[in-house]
N, C-alpha and C. Protein backbone atom coordinates (compact mmCIF):
# COMPACT_ATOMS: atom_id res chain seq x y z
N MET A 1 0.84 -1.18 0.00
CA MET A 1 0.00 0.00 0.00
C MET A 1 0.89 1.25 0.00
N LYS A 2 0.61 2.15 -0.95
CA LYS A 2 1.36 3.40 -1.03
C LYS A 2 0.78 4.41 -0.04
N ASN A 3 1.53 5.48 0.23
CA ASN A 3 1.09 6.50 1.17
C ASN A 3 -0.21 7.18 0.77
N ASN A 4 -0.52 7.22 -0.53
CA ASN A 4 -1.75 7.87 -0.94
C ASN A 4 -2.87 6.89 -1.27
N ASP A 5 -2.81 5.69 -0.71
CA ASP A 5 -3.89 4.72 -0.79
C ASP A 5 -4.81 4.90 0.41
N CYS A 6 -6.10 4.62 0.22
CA CYS A 6 -7.05 4.72 1.32
C CYS A 6 -6.77 3.65 2.37
N ILE A 7 -6.73 4.07 3.63
CA ILE A 7 -6.47 3.10 4.70
C ILE A 7 -7.73 2.31 5.05
N GLY A 8 -8.89 2.73 4.51
CA GLY A 8 -10.12 2.01 4.78
C GLY A 8 -10.39 0.90 3.77
N CYS A 9 -10.31 1.26 2.48
CA CYS A 9 -10.69 0.30 1.44
C CYS A 9 -9.55 -0.04 0.49
N GLY A 10 -8.44 0.67 0.57
CA GLY A 10 -7.30 0.37 -0.29
C GLY A 10 -7.31 1.07 -1.63
N LYS A 11 -8.35 1.90 -1.91
CA LYS A 11 -8.40 2.63 -3.17
C LYS A 11 -7.08 3.38 -3.36
N ASP A 12 -6.55 3.32 -4.58
CA ASP A 12 -5.23 3.93 -4.79
C ASP A 12 -5.34 5.29 -5.49
N LEU A 13 -4.25 6.01 -5.42
CA LEU A 13 -4.09 7.31 -6.08
C LEU A 13 -5.20 8.30 -5.72
N LEU A 14 -5.32 8.60 -4.43
CA LEU A 14 -6.32 9.56 -3.97
C LEU A 14 -6.03 10.94 -4.55
N GLU A 15 -7.09 11.69 -4.82
CA GLU A 15 -6.94 13.03 -5.37
C GLU A 15 -6.37 13.97 -4.33
N LYS A 16 -5.71 15.03 -4.82
CA LYS A 16 -5.05 15.98 -3.90
C LYS A 16 -6.05 16.66 -2.98
N ASP A 17 -7.27 16.95 -3.46
CA ASP A 17 -8.27 17.57 -2.59
C ASP A 17 -8.70 16.63 -1.48
N THR A 18 -8.76 15.34 -1.78
CA THR A 18 -9.13 14.34 -0.76
C THR A 18 -8.04 14.27 0.31
N ILE A 19 -6.79 14.26 -0.12
CA ILE A 19 -5.67 14.25 0.83
C ILE A 19 -5.67 15.52 1.66
N ALA A 20 -5.92 16.66 1.02
CA ALA A 20 -5.97 17.94 1.73
C ALA A 20 -7.09 17.95 2.76
N LEU A 21 -8.25 17.41 2.40
CA LEU A 21 -9.38 17.36 3.33
C LEU A 21 -9.06 16.48 4.53
N ASN A 22 -8.42 15.34 4.28
CA ASN A 22 -7.99 14.47 5.38
C ASN A 22 -7.10 15.26 6.35
N ARG A 23 -6.14 15.98 5.80
CA ARG A 23 -5.21 16.75 6.64
C ARG A 23 -5.92 17.87 7.38
N LYS A 24 -6.86 18.53 6.72
CA LYS A 24 -7.60 19.62 7.35
C LYS A 24 -8.45 19.11 8.52
N LEU A 25 -9.11 17.97 8.31
CA LEU A 25 -10.04 17.47 9.32
C LEU A 25 -9.41 16.55 10.36
N LEU A 26 -8.34 15.85 9.99
CA LEU A 26 -7.76 14.85 10.90
C LEU A 26 -6.39 15.23 11.44
N GLY A 27 -5.79 16.28 10.90
CA GLY A 27 -4.47 16.72 11.38
C GLY A 27 -3.48 16.86 10.24
N ARG A 28 -2.79 17.98 10.22
CA ARG A 28 -1.87 18.28 9.12
C ARG A 28 -0.72 17.29 9.00
N ASN A 29 -0.36 16.64 10.06
CA ASN A 29 0.81 15.77 10.04
C ASN A 29 0.50 14.30 9.76
N ILE A 30 -0.74 13.99 9.43
CA ILE A 30 -1.06 12.59 9.15
C ILE A 30 -0.40 12.13 7.86
N ASP A 31 -0.13 10.84 7.77
CA ASP A 31 0.50 10.31 6.56
C ASP A 31 -0.28 9.12 5.98
N LYS A 32 -1.45 8.86 6.53
CA LYS A 32 -2.35 7.84 6.01
C LYS A 32 -3.71 8.49 5.83
N PHE A 33 -4.36 8.16 4.70
CA PHE A 33 -5.55 8.90 4.30
C PHE A 33 -6.71 7.98 3.98
N TYR A 34 -7.94 8.55 4.07
CA TYR A 34 -9.16 7.88 3.66
C TYR A 34 -9.61 8.45 2.32
N CYS A 35 -10.25 7.62 1.49
CA CYS A 35 -10.94 8.14 0.31
C CYS A 35 -12.18 8.88 0.81
N LEU A 36 -12.86 9.61 -0.07
CA LEU A 36 -14.03 10.38 0.38
C LEU A 36 -15.10 9.50 1.00
N GLU A 37 -15.35 8.33 0.40
CA GLU A 37 -16.39 7.46 0.93
C GLU A 37 -16.04 6.96 2.34
N CYS A 38 -14.82 6.52 2.52
CA CYS A 38 -14.40 6.02 3.85
C CYS A 38 -14.32 7.16 4.86
N LEU A 39 -13.88 8.34 4.42
CA LEU A 39 -13.83 9.50 5.32
C LEU A 39 -15.23 9.89 5.76
N ALA A 40 -16.18 9.87 4.82
CA ALA A 40 -17.57 10.18 5.16
C ALA A 40 -18.10 9.18 6.18
N ASN A 41 -17.82 7.90 5.98
CA ASN A 41 -18.25 6.88 6.94
C ASN A 41 -17.60 7.09 8.30
N TYR A 42 -16.30 7.39 8.29
CA TYR A 42 -15.55 7.59 9.54
C TYR A 42 -16.10 8.78 10.32
N LEU A 43 -16.43 9.87 9.61
CA LEU A 43 -16.92 11.09 10.26
C LEU A 43 -18.44 11.12 10.41
N GLU A 44 -19.11 10.10 9.86
CA GLU A 44 -20.57 9.99 9.92
C GLU A 44 -21.25 11.20 9.27
N VAL A 45 -20.78 11.55 8.06
CA VAL A 45 -21.37 12.60 7.24
C VAL A 45 -21.54 12.05 5.83
N THR A 46 -22.10 12.86 4.94
CA THR A 46 -22.27 12.42 3.56
C THR A 46 -21.09 12.89 2.70
N ILE A 47 -20.93 12.24 1.56
CA ILE A 47 -19.89 12.65 0.62
C ILE A 47 -20.19 14.06 0.12
N ASP A 48 -21.46 14.38 -0.09
CA ASP A 48 -21.83 15.73 -0.52
C ASP A 48 -21.40 16.78 0.50
N GLU A 49 -21.55 16.47 1.78
CA GLU A 49 -21.11 17.40 2.81
C GLU A 49 -19.60 17.60 2.77
N LEU A 50 -18.87 16.53 2.51
CA LEU A 50 -17.41 16.66 2.40
C LEU A 50 -17.03 17.48 1.18
N ASN A 51 -17.71 17.28 0.06
CA ASN A 51 -17.44 18.08 -1.13
C ASN A 51 -17.74 19.56 -0.89
N GLU A 52 -18.80 19.83 -0.15
CA GLU A 52 -19.11 21.22 0.21
C GLU A 52 -18.00 21.82 1.07
N LYS A 53 -17.47 21.04 2.00
CA LYS A 53 -16.37 21.52 2.86
C LYS A 53 -15.13 21.80 2.02
N ILE A 54 -14.84 20.96 1.04
CA ILE A 54 -13.69 21.19 0.18
C ILE A 54 -13.84 22.55 -0.50
N GLU A 55 -15.01 22.83 -1.07
CA GLU A 55 -15.24 24.11 -1.74
C GLU A 55 -15.16 25.27 -0.76
N GLU A 56 -15.70 25.07 0.43
CA GLU A 56 -15.66 26.10 1.47
C GLU A 56 -14.22 26.42 1.86
N PHE A 57 -13.41 25.40 2.07
CA PHE A 57 -12.01 25.62 2.45
C PHE A 57 -11.24 26.29 1.32
N LYS A 58 -11.54 25.93 0.08
CA LYS A 58 -10.89 26.58 -1.06
C LYS A 58 -11.24 28.05 -1.11
N GLU A 59 -12.52 28.38 -0.90
CA GLU A 59 -12.97 29.76 -0.92
C GLU A 59 -12.34 30.57 0.21
N GLN A 60 -12.07 29.92 1.33
CA GLN A 60 -11.43 30.58 2.46
C GLN A 60 -9.94 30.78 2.22
N GLY A 61 -9.41 30.14 1.18
CA GLY A 61 -8.00 30.29 0.86
C GLY A 61 -7.08 29.37 1.64
N CYS A 62 -7.62 28.27 2.14
CA CYS A 62 -6.80 27.31 2.89
C CYS A 62 -5.65 26.81 1.99
N THR A 63 -4.45 26.93 2.48
CA THR A 63 -3.26 26.58 1.70
C THR A 63 -3.15 25.09 1.42
N LEU A 64 -3.86 24.25 2.14
CA LEU A 64 -3.83 22.82 1.87
C LEU A 64 -4.47 22.49 0.53
N PHE A 65 -5.34 23.37 0.05
CA PHE A 65 -6.09 23.11 -1.18
C PHE A 65 -5.57 23.86 -2.39
N VAL A 66 -4.35 24.33 -2.31
CA VAL A 66 -3.75 25.05 -3.45
C VAL A 66 -3.09 24.10 -4.40
């Protein structure tokens, strides 16, 4: 498993926004990530809510999403 594989389901090559969202919500120093589906399950939210947060953080100028 590579560093950018999902630790929940093993999906590979996670998108940069997904990795950025993991870091924003779970801690900037993490090195293992969830795909959006597994992150939504872990946080007990919907994928749509996570996508909304990604857009919100981008609009706020969060440097993780550049």
